[in-house]
């Protein structure tokens, strides 16, 4: 699904960027330009970002 219409960024593109190390909104904005034009995508980008970070955290083994 398209998240940022201004720059043609999809949720999959955001998740791939997070897998590549873009773990903050600032890094996503720098890499993908999301939120840099009209700003309407920011809340959705943050939801995708947080969802992906939670998925990564849940996949990590528990530290004793």
Protein backbone atom coordinates (compact mmCIF):
# COMPACT_ATOMS: atom_id res chain seq x y z
CA UNK A 1 0.00 0.00 0.00
CA UNK A 2 1.19 3.50 -0.76
CA UNK A 3 2.01 5.47 2.37
CA UNK A 4 3.65 8.56 0.87
CA UNK A 5 1.95 9.59 -2.34
CA UNK A 6 4.27 12.58 -2.86
CA UNK A 7 7.31 10.32 -3.22
CA UNK A 8 5.66 7.02 -4.17
CA UNK A 9 6.77 5.19 -1.01
CA UNK A 10 5.01 1.98 0.03
CA UNK A 11 4.83 0.20 3.36
CA UNK A 12 7.09 -2.50 1.93
CA UNK A 13 9.68 0.11 0.98
CA UNK A 14 9.61 1.47 4.53
CA UNK A 15 9.96 -2.01 6.03
CA UNK A 16 12.92 -2.72 3.74
CA UNK A 17 14.57 0.54 4.82
CA UNK A 18 14.05 -0.40 8.48
CA UNK A 19 15.65 -3.80 7.83
CA UNK A 20 18.55 -1.85 6.30
CA UNK A 21 19.03 0.22 9.45
CA UNK A 22 16.69 3.21 9.12
CA UNK A 23 15.15 2.86 12.57
CA UNK A 24 13.93 6.42 13.16
CA UNK A 25 11.56 8.77 11.39
CA UNK A 26 14.49 11.10 10.74
CA UNK A 27 16.47 8.35 8.99
CA UNK A 28 13.44 7.30 6.95
CA UNK A 29 12.88 10.90 5.91
CA UNK A 30 16.51 11.26 4.90
CA UNK A 31 16.55 7.99 2.95
CA UNK A 32 13.05 7.92 1.44
CA UNK A 33 12.00 11.60 1.68
CA UNK A 34 8.80 10.62 3.54
CA UNK A 35 7.21 13.49 5.43
CA UNK A 36 9.31 16.06 3.61
CA UNK A 37 6.68 17.52 1.32
CA UNK A 38 3.05 17.72 2.47
CA UNK A 39 3.49 15.76 5.74
CA UNK A 40 0.20 13.88 5.47
CA UNK A 41 2.00 10.51 5.56
CA UNK A 42 3.85 11.03 8.85
CA UNK A 43 1.38 9.25 11.12
CA UNK A 44 1.11 6.27 8.77
CA UNK A 45 4.89 6.10 8.33
CA UNK A 46 5.29 6.06 12.10
CA UNK A 47 2.77 3.20 12.40
CA UNK A 48 4.63 1.15 9.80
CA UNK A 49 7.97 1.98 11.44
CA UNK A 50 6.79 1.04 14.93
CA UNK A 51 5.12 -2.13 13.68
CA UNK A 52 8.31 -3.25 11.96
CA UNK A 53 10.45 -2.40 15.00
CA UNK A 54 8.09 -4.42 17.22
CA UNK A 55 8.31 -7.34 14.80
CA UNK A 56 12.12 -7.18 14.92
CA UNK A 57 12.13 -6.93 18.72
CA UNK A 58 9.82 -9.92 19.10
CA UNK A 59 12.07 -12.00 16.86
CA UNK A 60 15.12 -11.31 19.05
CA UNK A 61 16.00 -13.95 21.62
CA UNK A 62 15.39 -12.91 25.21
CA UNK A 63 18.48 -11.76 27.10
CA UNK A 64 18.87 -13.41 30.49
